[in-house]
Amino acid sequence: MAKYHVYGIGAALVDTEIEVTDHDLQQLQVEKGLMTLVDEARQTELINHLQDHLTASKRASGGSAANTIIAVSAFGGNAFYSCKVANDDNGEFYLNDLSNAGVDYHHNGEQVEGLTGKCLVLITPDAERSMNTFLGVSETVSIENLNTEAISQSEYIYIEGYLVTSETGRAAAIRAREIAEEHQVKTVLSLSDPGMVTFFKDGLKQMLGNKVDLLFCNEDEALGWTDSNTLEDAIEELKNSANTFAITLGSKGALVFDGQSLHTIPSHPVTAIDTNGAGDMFAGAFLYAITHGYDYQQAGNFASVAAANVVSQFGPRLNEEQYPDILLSL
């Protein structure tokens, strides 16, 4: 029996959400719907401009893979997370938040001099999220932050595509996959963002290796990754990158391929308020389900319900009491 259902590696970012208009995005020259890396000065400039927009949302430990790993744990799975934070207030907050979420984490060098990464999540009235990320010390997450023992004791290892933007992060992702393959641990990659596919495809290919066991992406990422014009073509091409995959389609549901059959996952109509973390939650719920005996269709339906709940409220995480209710849908 594996000790952990899922081991994740990714950025450690403290999220702050702000409600804005499309006009605000244009004024601030923020690219809508994408994750943009910024320096601390640019992030401070944005916060100062938007001081009166701050939502009531509390700061939360984020980062794409962290959101996924915390979801696995919140549904009742055993999870481990490798990341890097600074020895500052946000770093303390982040590690405490992981502990409170029931996630084990790597204790070797995760707190260093510097600043913990921060993500400014700008939410427009159409629920789209545009992220401006200052990676801080997360930019130097490296092979040293891996825990080989924890990887070897896991069923799945989950790697976020955002690691491709950092040289040491990309190297850590590649090594993590290699360690997993050496120990017959199943490998999972999330493509993370259309911008990662557009600008860092070669690096993502290195992270993916010959093939991963499971790939998560949305429709834009699937088309970009496979250089396809249609989803049908993309689906065929994705089979060269992964044994199985899930393509999220926003309000249209999802498609999941279990290695044999393609399953259409219906959407669960909700009033979307904030799409931040929807894909992360989908991946976390899906991984929880497949590590607890459910097939891909069941996992896809469960993940779709979980993601629908996330987009109908602010923040990338659900409230504690929501997880047991969503589990009833399995």
Protein backbone atom coordinates (compact mmCIF):
# COMPACT_ATOMS: atom_id res chain seq x y z
CA MET A 1 0.00 0.00 0.00
CA ALA A 2 1.35 3.42 -0.96
CA LYS A 3 1.69 5.89 1.92
CA TYR A 4 0.48 8.81 -0.24
CA HIS A 5 -2.21 8.85 -2.88
CA VAL A 6 -0.62 11.88 -4.57
CA TYR A 7 2.73 13.68 -4.28
CA GLY A 8 2.79 17.15 -5.82
CA ILE A 9 5.48 19.63 -6.73
CA GLY A 10 4.89 23.25 -7.70
CA ALA A 11 5.06 26.89 -6.74
CA ALA A 12 4.12 28.10 -3.27
CA LEU A 13 2.14 31.31 -3.73
CA VAL A 14 0.00 33.29 -1.32
CA ASP A 15 -3.10 34.38 -3.26
CA THR A 16 -4.93 37.70 -3.01
CA GLU A 17 -8.09 38.09 -5.09
CA ILE A 18 -9.34 41.43 -6.41
CA GLU A 19 -12.55 42.17 -8.31
CA VAL A 20 -11.92 44.34 -11.38
CA THR A 21 -13.57 45.40 -14.63
CA ASP A 22 -12.35 44.77 -18.16
CA HIS A 23 -11.61 48.50 -18.26
CA ASP A 24 -9.30 48.07 -15.24
CA LEU A 25 -7.42 45.30 -17.07
CA GLN A 26 -7.00 47.50 -20.14
CA GLN A 27 -5.82 50.46 -18.07
CA LEU A 28 -3.35 48.31 -16.19
CA GLN A 29 -2.27 46.47 -19.38
CA VAL A 30 -3.01 43.07 -17.87
CA GLU A 31 -3.55 40.18 -20.30
CA LYS A 32 -6.96 38.73 -19.62
CA GLY A 33 -7.31 35.05 -18.73
CA LEU A 34 -3.58 34.33 -18.58
CA MET A 35 -0.93 33.96 -15.92
CA THR A 36 1.72 36.64 -16.29
CA LEU A 37 4.98 36.61 -14.36
CA VAL A 38 5.81 40.00 -12.83
CA ASP A 39 8.44 41.40 -10.50
CA GLU A 40 7.60 42.66 -7.04
CA ALA A 41 7.59 46.32 -8.13
CA ARG A 42 4.96 45.63 -10.82
CA GLN A 43 2.82 43.65 -8.35
CA THR A 44 3.00 46.49 -5.81
CA GLU A 45 2.02 48.97 -8.54
CA LEU A 46 -1.06 46.86 -9.38
CA ILE A 47 -2.08 46.56 -5.73
CA ASN A 48 -1.74 50.31 -5.21
CA HIS A 49 -3.91 50.99 -8.27
CA LEU A 50 -6.57 48.57 -7.03
CA GLN A 51 -6.52 49.35 -3.31
CA ASP A 52 -10.26 50.07 -3.19
CA HIS A 53 -11.13 46.84 -5.06
CA LEU A 54 -9.86 44.35 -2.49
CA THR A 55 -12.46 41.62 -1.97
CA ALA A 56 -13.25 40.14 1.38
CA SER A 57 -11.49 36.92 0.42
CA LYS A 58 -8.86 35.87 2.92
CA ARG A 59 -5.33 35.24 1.80
CA ALA A 60 -4.92 31.59 0.93
CA SER A 61 -2.03 29.28 0.21
CA GLY A 62 -2.13 28.78 -3.52
CA GLY A 63 -0.12 27.81 -6.51
CA SER A 64 -1.78 25.51 -9.03
CA ALA A 65 -0.42 22.17 -7.80
CA ALA A 66 -0.94 23.19 -4.16
CA ASN A 67 -4.64 23.82 -4.85
CA THR A 68 -4.87 20.34 -6.39
CA ILE A 69 -2.98 18.61 -3.57
CA ILE A 70 -5.03 20.39 -0.89
CA ALA A 71 -8.22 19.22 -2.67
CA VAL A 72 -6.99 15.61 -2.64
CA SER A 73 -6.41 15.91 1.11
CA ALA A 74 -9.71 17.72 1.80
CA PHE A 75 -11.68 14.88 0.19
CA GLY A 76 -9.87 12.39 2.43
CA GLY A 77 -6.75 11.40 0.48
CA ASN A 78 -3.16 11.32 1.76
CA ALA A 79 -1.01 13.93 0.08
CA PHE A 80 2.52 15.37 0.11
CA TYR A 81 3.72 18.67 -1.37
CA SER A 82 7.20 19.87 -2.30
CA CYS A 83 7.67 23.62 -2.61
CA LYS A 84 9.84 26.51 -1.44
CA VAL A 85 8.87 29.47 0.75
CA ALA A 86 10.86 32.19 2.51
CA ASN A 87 11.37 32.66 6.23
CA ASP A 88 8.88 35.54 6.23
CA ASP A 89 5.32 35.97 7.46
CA ASN A 90 3.80 34.64 4.23
CA GLY A 91 6.10 31.62 4.36
CA GLU A 92 5.02 30.75 7.92
CA PHE A 93 1.39 31.26 6.92
CA TYR A 94 1.82 29.02 3.87
CA LEU A 95 3.35 26.05 5.70
CA ASN A 96 0.79 26.34 8.52
CA ASP A 97 -1.98 26.36 5.93
CA LEU A 98 -0.59 23.17 4.34
CA SER A 99 -0.43 21.52 7.78
CA ASN A 100 -3.98 22.60 8.60
CA ALA A 101 -5.10 21.13 5.28
CA GLY A 102 -3.59 17.78 6.29
CA VAL A 103 -0.83 17.91 3.67
CA ASP A 104 2.67 16.65 4.53
CA TYR A 105 5.49 18.75 3.12
CA HIS A 106 9.22 18.66 2.62
CA HIS A 107 11.23 20.01 5.54
CA ASN A 108 14.53 20.35 3.73
CA GLY A 109 15.29 23.95 2.78
CA GLU A 110 11.73 25.00 2.14
CA GLN A 111 12.25 28.20 4.19
CA VAL A 112 15.07 30.41 2.94
CA GLU A 113 16.07 34.08 2.90
CA GLY A 114 14.00 36.17 0.54
CA LEU A 115 10.31 36.67 -0.16
CA THR A 116 7.57 34.05 -0.44
CA GLY A 117 5.80 34.10 -3.80
CA LYS A 118 2.53 36.00 -4.20
CA CYS A 119 -0.20 35.83 -6.78
CA LEU A 120 -2.58 38.68 -7.51
CA VAL A 121 -5.76 37.16 -8.98
CA LEU A 122 -7.88 39.71 -10.86
CA ILE A 123 -11.51 38.61 -11.30
CA THR A 124 -13.70 40.25 -13.98
CA PRO A 125 -17.54 40.19 -13.93
CA ASP A 126 -17.55 37.29 -16.45
CA ALA A 127 -15.76 35.21 -13.73
CA GLU A 128 -12.52 35.03 -15.77
CA ARG A 129 -9.33 35.17 -13.72
CA SER A 130 -6.17 36.96 -14.83
CA MET A 131 -3.14 36.21 -12.68
CA ASN A 132 -0.09 38.33 -12.00
CA THR A 133 2.48 36.24 -10.23
CA PHE A 134 5.62 37.26 -8.38
CA LEU A 135 7.35 33.92 -7.80
CA GLY A 136 9.75 35.11 -5.10
CA VAL A 137 11.82 32.20 -3.80
CA SER A 138 9.51 29.76 -5.65
CA GLU A 139 11.49 30.64 -8.75
CA THR A 140 14.41 28.70 -7.29
CA VAL A 141 12.50 25.56 -6.26
CA SER A 142 14.93 22.82 -7.26
CA ILE A 143 15.89 19.16 -7.14
CA GLU A 144 16.96 19.74 -3.50
CA ASN A 145 13.33 20.32 -2.60
CA LEU A 146 12.31 16.86 -3.78
CA ASN A 147 11.69 14.07 -1.28
CA THR A 148 12.68 10.84 -3.01
CA GLU A 149 11.29 8.67 -0.20
CA ALA A 150 7.87 10.35 -0.36
CA ILE A 151 7.79 10.06 -4.17
CA SER A 152 8.61 6.35 -3.99
CA GLN A 153 5.80 5.86 -1.45
CA SER A 154 3.15 7.53 -3.63
CA GLU A 155 0.59 6.18 -6.08
CA TYR A 156 0.79 9.24 -8.33
CA ILE A 157 3.12 12.21 -8.71
CA TYR A 158 1.51 15.45 -9.90
CA ILE A 159 3.63 18.08 -11.67
CA GLU A 160 2.35 21.57 -12.52
CA GLY A 161 3.27 22.98 -15.92
CA TYR A 162 4.10 26.39 -14.43
CA LEU A 163 7.43 24.93 -13.22
CA VAL A 164 8.63 25.23 -16.82
CA THR A 165 9.23 28.99 -16.38
CA SER A 166 12.12 28.40 -13.96
CA GLU A 167 15.31 26.61 -14.95
CA THR A 168 15.69 24.93 -11.55
CA GLY A 169 11.95 24.24 -11.36
CA ARG A 170 11.98 22.54 -14.75
CA ALA A 171 14.97 20.42 -13.71
CA ALA A 172 13.15 19.47 -10.50
CA ALA A 173 10.05 18.46 -12.47
CA ILE A 174 12.10 16.29 -14.84
CA ARG A 175 13.95 14.62 -11.94
CA ALA A 176 10.70 14.08 -10.02
CA ARG A 177 9.22 12.29 -13.06
CA GLU A 178 12.35 10.17 -13.43
CA ILE A 179 12.28 9.15 -9.75
CA ALA A 180 8.60 8.27 -10.10
CA GLU A 181 9.29 6.16 -13.20
CA GLU A 182 12.13 4.36 -11.39
CA HIS A 183 9.71 3.42 -8.57
CA GLN A 184 6.71 2.55 -10.81
CA VAL A 185 4.82 5.59 -9.50
CA LYS A 186 2.28 6.91 -12.02
CA THR A 187 3.09 10.32 -13.52
CA VAL A 188 0.71 13.23 -14.01
CA LEU A 189 1.37 16.56 -15.73
CA SER A 190 -0.92 19.57 -15.89
CA LEU A 191 -0.28 21.95 -18.80
CA SER A 192 -1.46 24.74 -16.44
CA ASP A 193 -2.04 27.68 -18.79
CA PRO A 194 -2.32 28.41 -22.53
CA GLY A 195 0.61 30.81 -22.17
CA MET A 196 2.85 28.01 -20.90
CA VAL A 197 2.00 25.94 -23.99
CA THR A 198 2.55 28.88 -26.35
CA PHE A 199 5.86 30.10 -24.97
CA PHE A 200 7.43 27.10 -23.20
CA LYS A 201 6.40 24.07 -25.25
CA ASP A 202 9.93 22.67 -25.59
CA GLY A 203 10.47 22.84 -21.83
CA LEU A 204 7.11 21.19 -21.18
CA LYS A 205 8.08 18.38 -23.58
CA GLN A 206 11.23 17.81 -21.49
CA MET A 207 9.10 17.67 -18.34
CA LEU A 208 6.69 15.22 -19.98
CA GLY A 209 9.42 12.87 -21.25
CA ASN A 210 8.33 10.04 -23.55
CA LYS A 211 4.82 9.87 -22.09
CA VAL A 212 3.02 10.49 -18.82
CA ASP A 213 0.30 8.29 -17.36
CA LEU A 214 -2.21 11.14 -17.08
CA LEU A 215 -2.35 14.64 -18.59
CA PHE A 216 -4.68 17.46 -17.53
CA CYS A 217 -5.39 20.37 -19.86
CA ASN A 218 -8.16 22.68 -21.02
CA GLU A 219 -9.39 23.04 -24.61
CA ASP A 220 -7.02 25.89 -25.56
CA GLU A 221 -4.04 24.04 -24.08
CA ALA A 222 -5.00 20.82 -25.88
CA LEU A 223 -5.22 22.60 -29.25
CA GLY A 224 -1.98 24.50 -28.67
CA TRP A 225 -0.06 21.50 -27.40
CA THR A 226 -0.99 19.36 -30.40
CA ASP A 227 -0.97 22.17 -33.01
CA SER A 228 -4.52 21.12 -33.90
CA ASN A 229 -7.44 23.08 -35.31
CA THR A 230 -10.13 20.78 -33.95
CA LEU A 231 -10.67 19.06 -30.64
CA GLU A 232 -11.08 15.73 -32.48
CA ASP A 233 -7.57 16.05 -33.92
CA ALA A 234 -6.18 17.16 -30.56
CA ILE A 235 -7.66 14.10 -28.83
CA GLU A 236 -5.90 11.76 -31.27
CA GLU A 237 -2.60 13.62 -30.91
CA LEU A 238 -2.78 13.69 -27.09
CA LYS A 239 -2.60 9.88 -27.11
CA ASN A 240 1.07 10.29 -28.13
CA SER A 241 1.78 12.35 -24.98
CA ALA A 242 -0.20 10.49 -22.34
CA ASN A 243 -1.73 7.08 -21.67
CA THR A 244 -4.84 8.80 -20.31
CA PHE A 245 -6.00 12.41 -20.17
CA ALA A 246 -8.71 14.85 -19.14
CA ILE A 247 -9.65 17.94 -21.14
CA THR A 248 -11.75 20.49 -19.27
CA LEU A 249 -14.19 22.48 -21.42
CA GLY A 250 -15.40 25.12 -18.97
CA SER A 251 -19.19 25.45 -19.03
CA LYS A 252 -19.35 22.59 -21.58
CA GLY A 253 -18.09 19.97 -19.11
CA ALA A 254 -15.08 17.80 -19.89
CA LEU A 255 -13.73 14.90 -21.92
CA VAL A 256 -11.78 12.09 -20.28
CA PHE A 257 -9.87 9.30 -22.01
CA ASP A 258 -9.19 6.22 -19.86
CA GLY A 259 -6.76 4.55 -22.25
CA GLN A 260 -9.55 2.70 -24.08
CA SER A 261 -12.62 4.90 -24.30
CA LEU A 262 -13.41 8.59 -24.46
CA HIS A 263 -16.08 9.71 -21.97
CA THR A 264 -18.12 12.90 -22.25
CA ILE A 265 -18.57 14.53 -18.85
CA PRO A 266 -21.60 16.81 -18.56
CA SER A 267 -21.30 20.23 -17.00
CA HIS A 268 -23.14 21.20 -13.84
CA PRO A 269 -24.68 24.59 -14.61
CA VAL A 270 -23.94 27.21 -11.97
CA THR A 271 -23.65 30.97 -11.88
CA ALA A 272 -19.91 31.42 -12.28
CA ILE A 273 -18.40 34.10 -10.08
CA ASP A 274 -14.70 33.21 -10.11
CA THR A 275 -12.97 30.60 -12.30
CA ASN A 276 -9.73 30.79 -10.29
CA GLY A 277 -8.76 27.26 -9.26
CA ALA A 278 -11.44 25.47 -11.28
CA GLY A 279 -8.94 23.35 -13.22
CA ASP A 280 -6.91 22.71 -10.05
CA MET A 281 -10.01 21.49 -8.22
CA PHE A 282 -11.01 19.31 -11.18
CA ALA A 283 -7.58 17.65 -11.09
CA GLY A 284 -7.65 17.21 -7.29
CA ALA A 285 -11.12 15.67 -7.22
CA PHE A 286 -10.28 13.46 -10.21
CA LEU A 287 -7.08 12.18 -8.58
CA TYR A 288 -8.91 11.53 -5.31
CA ALA A 289 -11.52 9.44 -7.16
CA ILE A 290 -9.13 7.33 -9.25
CA THR A 291 -6.99 6.57 -6.17
CA HIS A 292 -10.10 5.41 -4.31
CA GLY A 293 -11.36 2.78 -6.73
CA TYR A 294 -13.52 4.85 -9.08
CA ASP A 295 -13.29 4.64 -12.88
CA TYR A 296 -12.53 7.57 -15.17
CA GLN A 297 -16.15 8.35 -15.96
CA GLN A 298 -17.10 8.42 -12.27
CA ALA A 299 -13.98 10.47 -11.50
CA GLY A 300 -14.81 12.93 -14.29
CA ASN A 301 -18.38 13.44 -13.06
CA PHE A 302 -17.17 13.94 -9.49
CA ALA A 303 -14.48 16.39 -10.61
CA SER A 304 -17.03 18.31 -12.66
CA VAL A 305 -19.29 18.71 -9.61
CA ALA A 306 -16.34 19.86 -7.47
CA ALA A 307 -15.17 22.40 -10.09
CA ALA A 308 -18.72 23.76 -10.48
CA ASN A 309 -18.83 24.41 -6.74
CA VAL A 310 -15.51 26.28 -6.87
CA VAL A 311 -16.49 28.63 -9.69
CA SER A 312 -19.74 29.58 -7.94
CA GLN A 313 -17.85 31.32 -5.11
CA PHE A 314 -14.67 33.37 -4.61
CA GLY A 315 -11.35 31.63 -4.04
CA PRO A 316 -9.71 28.43 -5.35
CA ARG A 317 -10.81 26.32 -2.38
CA LEU A 318 -14.12 25.13 -0.98
CA ASN A 319 -15.37 25.62 2.55
CA GLU A 320 -14.73 22.69 4.88
CA GLU A 321 -18.38 21.65 5.04
CA GLN A 322 -18.69 21.48 1.22
CA TYR A 323 -16.30 18.55 0.74
CA PRO A 324 -18.47 15.89 2.48
CA ASP A 325 -21.52 17.05 0.49
CA ILE A 326 -19.65 16.76 -2.82
CA LEU A 327 -18.36 13.30 -1.84
CA LEU A 328 -21.99 12.16 -1.81
CA SER A 329 -22.01 12.62 -5.59
CA LEU A 330 -19.49 9.78 -6.02
